[in-house]
Amino acid sequence: MDIAALSVAYSLSQVQTDASIQVLKKVMDTTETSSTEMLDMLVPPSDTLGSNVDVSV
């Protein structure tokens, strides 16, 4: 291979890598947003829940 062809191949692989990284960053941001929204939807349990236990022997 000549140097020009190697340069073109390297540039193409660099562009593909950069595009993949940008897609992964977008996926991470979307996942963070959806997980934050899911955590906000959780309702904390009542303070009295679990304070009394019925035991019979």
PDB file of N, CA and C in Angstrom:
ATOM      1  N   MET A   1       0.846  -1.185   0.000  1.00  0.00           N
ATOM      2  CA  MET A   1       0.000   0.000   0.000  1.00  0.00           C
ATOM      3  C   MET A   1       0.886   1.241   0.000  1.00  0.00           C
ATOM      4  N   ASP A   2       0.421   2.223  -0.687  1.00  0.00           N
ATOM      5  CA  ASP A   2       1.181   3.472  -0.664  1.00  0.00           C
ATOM      6  C   ASP A   2       0.706   4.360   0.480  1.00  0.00           C
ATOM      7  N   ILE A   3       1.428   5.410   0.717  1.00  0.00           N
ATOM      8  CA  ILE A   3       1.158   6.280   1.867  1.00  0.00           C
ATOM      9  C   ILE A   3      -0.196   6.982   1.729  1.00  0.00           C
ATOM     10  N   ALA A   4      -0.576   7.360   0.536  1.00  0.00           N
ATOM     11  CA  ALA A   4      -1.860   8.039   0.337  1.00  0.00           C
ATOM     12  C   ALA A   4      -3.027   7.116   0.702  1.00  0.00           C
ATOM     13  N   ALA A   5      -2.943   5.872   0.288  1.00  0.00           N
ATOM     14  CA  ALA A   5      -4.013   4.923   0.607  1.00  0.00           C
ATOM     15  C   ALA A   5      -4.074   4.665   2.102  1.00  0.00           C
ATOM     16  N   LEU A   6      -2.925   4.558   2.750  1.00  0.00           N
ATOM     17  CA  LEU A   6      -2.899   4.375   4.202  1.00  0.00           C
ATOM     18  C   LEU A   6      -3.494   5.579   4.917  1.00  0.00           C
ATOM     19  N   SER A   7      -3.205   6.758   4.411  1.00  0.00           N
ATOM     20  CA  SER A   7      -3.737   7.976   5.013  1.00  0.00           C
ATOM     21  C   SER A   7      -5.261   8.023   4.905  1.00  0.00           C
ATOM     22  N   VAL A   8      -5.775   7.652   3.753  1.00  0.00           N
ATOM     23  CA  VAL A   8      -7.226   7.642   3.553  1.00  0.00           C
ATOM     24  C   VAL A   8      -7.874   6.597   4.458  1.00  0.00           C
ATOM     25  N   ALA A   9      -7.273   5.422   4.550  1.00  0.00           N
ATOM     26  CA  ALA A   9      -7.818   4.363   5.401  1.00  0.00           C
ATOM     27  C   ALA A   9      -7.802   4.786   6.862  1.00  0.00           C
ATOM     28  N   TYR A  10      -6.728   5.432   7.293  1.00  0.00           N
ATOM     29  CA  TYR A  10      -6.640   5.896   8.677  1.00  0.00           C
ATOM     30  C   TYR A  10      -7.694   6.963   8.957  1.00  0.00           C
ATOM     31  N   SER A  11      -7.859   7.895   8.040  1.00  0.00           N
ATOM     32  CA  SER A  11      -8.856   8.952   8.227  1.00  0.00           C
ATOM     33  C   SER A  11     -10.260   8.370   8.307  1.00  0.00           C
ATOM     34  N   LEU A  12     -10.548   7.403   7.462  1.00  0.00           N
ATOM     35  CA  LEU A  12     -11.865   6.772   7.475  1.00  0.00           C
ATOM     36  C   LEU A  12     -12.113   6.054   8.792  1.00  0.00           C
ATOM     37  N   SER A  13     -11.115   5.333   9.273  1.00  0.00           N
ATOM     38  CA  SER A  13     -11.298   4.624  10.545  1.00  0.00           C
ATOM     39  C   SER A  13     -11.437   5.607  11.702  1.00  0.00           C
ATOM     40  N   GLN A  14     -10.744   6.731  11.626  1.00  0.00           N
ATOM     41  CA  GLN A  14     -10.852   7.748  12.674  1.00  0.00           C
ATOM     42  C   GLN A  14     -12.250   8.365  12.693  1.00  0.00           C
ATOM     43  N   VAL A  15     -12.807   8.626  11.523  1.00  0.00           N
ATOM     44  CA  VAL A  15     -14.161   9.178  11.434  1.00  0.00           C
ATOM     45  C   VAL A  15     -15.175   8.175  11.982  1.00  0.00           C
ATOM     46  N   GLN A  16     -15.007   6.903  11.641  1.00  0.00           N
ATOM     47  CA  GLN A  16     -15.918   5.878  12.146  1.00  0.00           C
ATOM     48  C   GLN A  16     -15.830   5.763  13.661  1.00  0.00           C
ATOM     49  N   THR A  17     -14.618   5.838  14.193  1.00  0.00           N
ATOM     50  CA  THR A  17     -14.435   5.774  15.641  1.00  0.00           C
ATOM     51  C   THR A  17     -15.084   6.972  16.321  1.00  0.00           C
ATOM     52  N   ASP A  18     -14.879   8.152  15.770  1.00  0.00           N
ATOM     53  CA  ASP A  18     -15.479   9.358  16.345  1.00  0.00           C
ATOM     54  C   ASP A  18     -17.008   9.289  16.317  1.00  0.00           C
ATOM     55  N   ALA A  19     -17.563   8.779  15.225  1.00  0.00           N
ATOM     56  CA  ALA A  19     -19.018   8.653  15.128  1.00  0.00           C
ATOM     57  C   ALA A  19     -19.541   7.651  16.156  1.00  0.00           C
ATOM     58  N   SER A  20     -18.842   6.551  16.321  1.00  0.00           N
ATOM     59  CA  SER A  20     -19.261   5.544  17.303  1.00  0.00           C
ATOM     60  C   SER A  20     -19.234   6.112  18.712  1.00  0.00           C
ATOM     61  N   ILE A  21     -18.218   6.880  19.023  1.00  0.00           N
ATOM     62  CA  ILE A  21     -18.108   7.486  20.351  1.00  0.00           C
ATOM     63  C   ILE A  21     -19.258   8.460  20.590  1.00  0.00           C
ATOM     64  N   GLN A  22     -19.605   9.244  19.587  1.00  0.00           N
ATOM     65  CA  GLN A  22     -20.706  10.192  19.738  1.00  0.00           C
ATOM     66  C   GLN A  22     -22.037   9.471  19.950  1.00  0.00           C
ATOM     67  N   VAL A  23     -22.245   8.366  19.237  1.00  0.00           N
ATOM     68  CA  VAL A  23     -23.477   7.593  19.421  1.00  0.00           C
ATOM     69  C   VAL A  23     -23.521   7.016  20.827  1.00  0.00           C
ATOM     70  N   LEU A  24     -22.403   6.477  21.305  1.00  0.00           N
ATOM     71  CA  LEU A  24     -22.366   5.916  22.654  1.00  0.00           C
ATOM     72  C   LEU A  24     -22.604   6.984  23.716  1.00  0.00           C
ATOM     73  N   LYS A  25     -22.072   8.179  23.520  1.00  0.00           N
ATOM     74  CA  LYS A  25     -22.320   9.267  24.473  1.00  0.00           C
ATOM     75  C   LYS A  25     -23.805   9.616  24.516  1.00  0.00           C
ATOM     76  N   LYS A  26     -24.451   9.641  23.351  1.00  0.00           N
ATOM     77  CA  LYS A  26     -25.882   9.941  23.299  1.00  0.00           C
ATOM     78  C   LYS A  26     -26.685   8.858  24.011  1.00  0.00           C
ATOM     79  N   VAL A  27     -26.304   7.595  23.817  1.00  0.00           N
ATOM     80  CA  VAL A  27     -26.988   6.489  24.487  1.00  0.00           C
ATOM     81  C   VAL A  27     -26.814   6.603  25.993  1.00  0.00           C
ATOM     82  N   MET A  28     -25.613   6.955  26.444  1.00  0.00           N
ATOM     83  CA  MET A  28     -25.367   7.104  27.881  1.00  0.00           C
ATOM     84  C   MET A  28     -26.211   8.230  28.463  1.00  0.00           C
ATOM     85  N   ASP A  29     -26.314   9.350  27.755  1.00  0.00           N
ATOM     86  CA  ASP A  29     -27.137  10.464  28.232  1.00  0.00           C
ATOM     87  C   ASP A  29     -28.611  10.066  28.311  1.00  0.00           C
ATOM     88  N   THR A  30     -29.090   9.371  27.297  1.00  0.00           N
ATOM     89  CA  THR A  30     -30.483   8.931  27.280  1.00  0.00           C
ATOM     90  C   THR A  30     -30.759   7.955  28.412  1.00  0.00           C
ATOM     91  N   THR A  31     -29.833   7.033  28.640  1.00  0.00           N
ATOM     92  CA  THR A  31     -29.990   6.059  29.713  1.00  0.00           C
ATOM     93  C   THR A  31     -29.993   6.743  31.070  1.00  0.00           C
ATOM     94  N   GLU A  32     -29.122   7.721  31.244  1.00  0.00           N
ATOM     95  CA  GLU A  32     -29.074   8.449  32.512  1.00  0.00           C
ATOM     96  C   GLU A  32     -30.384   9.190  32.757  1.00  0.00           C
ATOM     97  N   THR A  33     -30.907   9.817  31.720  1.00  0.00           N
ATOM     98  CA  THR A  33     -32.164  10.553  31.851  1.00  0.00           C
ATOM     99  C   THR A  33     -33.313   9.615  32.207  1.00  0.00           C
ATOM    100  N   SER A  34     -33.400   8.486  31.514  1.00  0.00           N
ATOM    101  CA  SER A  34     -34.516   7.576  31.787  1.00  0.00           C
ATOM    102  C   SER A  34     -34.385   6.929  33.161  1.00  0.00           C
ATOM    103  N   SER A  35     -33.169   6.630  33.597  1.00  0.00           N
ATOM    104  CA  SER A  35     -33.013   6.041  34.932  1.00  0.00           C
ATOM    105  C   SER A  35     -33.321   7.063  36.020  1.00  0.00           C
ATOM    106  N   THR A  36     -32.975   8.308  35.798  1.00  0.00           N
ATOM    107  CA  THR A  36     -33.306   9.361  36.757  1.00  0.00           C
ATOM    108  C   THR A  36     -34.820   9.530  36.856  1.00  0.00           C
ATOM    109  N   GLU A  37     -35.495   9.490  35.719  1.00  0.00           N
ATOM    110  CA  GLU A  37     -36.954   9.606  35.729  1.00  0.00           C
ATOM    111  C   GLU A  37     -37.598   8.419  36.435  1.00  0.00           C
ATOM    112  N   MET A  38     -37.047   7.226  36.241  1.00  0.00           N
ATOM    113  CA  MET A  38     -37.590   6.045  36.923  1.00  0.00           C
ATOM    114  C   MET A  38     -37.390   6.153  38.429  1.00  0.00           C
ATOM    115  N   LEU A  39     -36.241   6.647  38.862  1.00  0.00           N
ATOM    116  CA  LEU A  39     -36.001   6.813  40.293  1.00  0.00           C
ATOM    117  C   LEU A  39     -36.928   7.860  40.892  1.00  0.00           C
ATOM    118  N   ASP A  40     -37.231   8.899  40.131  1.00  0.00           N
ATOM    119  CA  ASP A  40     -38.157   9.926  40.613  1.00  0.00           C
ATOM    120  C   ASP A  40     -39.578   9.377  40.756  1.00  0.00           C
ATOM    121  N   MET A  41     -39.938   8.369  39.968  1.00  0.00           N
ATOM    122  CA  MET A  41     -41.279   7.792  40.042  1.00  0.00           C
ATOM    123  C   MET A  41     -41.451   6.870  41.242  1.00  0.00           C
ATOM    124  N   LEU A  42     -40.372   6.396  41.824  1.00  0.00           N
ATOM    125  CA  LEU A  42     -40.478   5.506  42.977  1.00  0.00           C
ATOM    126  C   LEU A  42     -41.064   6.248  44.169  1.00  0.00           C
ATOM    127  N   VAL A  43     -42.005   5.625  44.828  1.00  0.00           N
ATOM    128  CA  VAL A  43     -42.638   6.210  46.007  1.00  0.00           C
ATOM    129  C   VAL A  43     -41.971   5.601  47.235  1.00  0.00           C
ATOM    130  N   PRO A  44     -41.478   6.433  48.156  1.00  0.00           N
ATOM    131  CA  PRO A  44     -40.845   5.866  49.354  1.00  0.00           C
ATOM    132  C   PRO A  44     -41.886   5.141  50.210  1.00  0.00           C
ATOM    133  N   PRO A  45     -41.498   4.058  50.854  1.00  0.00           N
ATOM    134  CA  PRO A  45     -42.450   3.316  51.687  1.00  0.00           C
ATOM    135  C   PRO A  45     -42.848   4.122  52.922  1.00  0.00           C
ATOM    136  N   SER A  46     -43.978   3.771  53.479  1.00  0.00           N
ATOM    137  CA  SER A  46     -44.476   4.422  54.682  1.00  0.00           C
ATOM    138  C   SER A  46     -43.514   4.171  55.845  1.00  0.00           C
ATOM    139  N   ASP A  47     -43.397   5.145  56.752  1.00  0.00           N
ATOM    140  CA  ASP A  47     -42.504   5.005  57.906  1.00  0.00           C
ATOM    141  C   ASP A  47     -42.959   3.898  58.846  1.00  0.00           C
ATOM    142  N   THR A  48     -44.262   3.642  58.883  1.00  0.00           N
ATOM    143  CA  THR A  48     -44.772   2.623  59.800  1.00  0.00           C
ATOM    144  C   THR A  48     -44.716   1.220  59.199  1.00  0.00           C
ATOM    145  N   LEU A  49     -44.424   1.110  57.940  1.00  0.00           N
ATOM    146  CA  LEU A  49     -44.376  -0.193  57.283  1.00  0.00           C
ATOM    147  C   LEU A  49     -43.225  -1.018  57.841  1.00  0.00           C
ATOM    148  N   GLY A  50     -43.540  -2.167  58.377  1.00  0.00           N
ATOM    149  CA  GLY A  50     -42.521  -3.062  58.913  1.00  0.00           C
ATOM    150  C   GLY A  50     -42.173  -2.823  60.361  1.00  0.00           C
ATOM    151  N   SER A  51     -42.883  -1.909  61.029  1.00  0.00           N
ATOM    152  CA  SER A  51     -42.560  -1.641  62.433  1.00  0.00           C
ATOM    153  C   SER A  51     -43.183  -2.680  63.362  1.00  0.00           C
ATOM    154  N   ASN A  52     -44.246  -3.346  62.934  1.00  0.00           N
ATOM    155  CA  ASN A  52     -44.902  -4.389  63.735  1.00  0.00           C
ATOM    156  C   ASN A  52     -44.798  -5.720  63.004  1.00  0.00           C
ATOM    157  N   VAL A  53     -44.423  -6.747  63.751  1.00  0.00           N
ATOM    158  CA  VAL A  53     -44.332  -8.084  63.177  1.00  0.00           C
ATOM    159  C   VAL A  53     -45.194  -9.019  64.013  1.00  0.00           C
ATOM    160  N   ASP A  54     -46.150  -9.691  63.385  1.00  0.00           N
ATOM    161  CA  ASP A  54     -47.000 -10.670  64.071  1.00  0.00           C
ATOM    162  C   ASP A  54     -46.297 -12.019  64.030  1.00  0.00           C
ATOM    163  N   VAL A  55     -46.058 -12.583  65.226  1.00  0.00           N
ATOM    164  CA  VAL A  55     -45.386 -13.881  65.313  1.00  0.00           C
ATOM    165  C   VAL A  55     -46.237 -14.798  66.164  1.00  0.00           C
ATOM    166  N   SER A  56     -46.509 -15.985  65.671  1.00  0.00           N
ATOM    167  CA  SER A  56     -47.222 -16.980  66.479  1.00  0.00           C
ATOM    168  C   SER A  56     -46.401 -18.260  66.476  1.00  0.00           C
ATOM    169  N   VAL A  57     -46.327 -18.872  67.659  1.00  0.00           N
ATOM    170  CA  VAL A  57     -45.522 -20.084  67.799  1.00  0.00           C
ATOM    171  C   VAL A  57     -46.425 -21.274  67.974  1.00  0.00           C
TER     172      VAL A  57
END
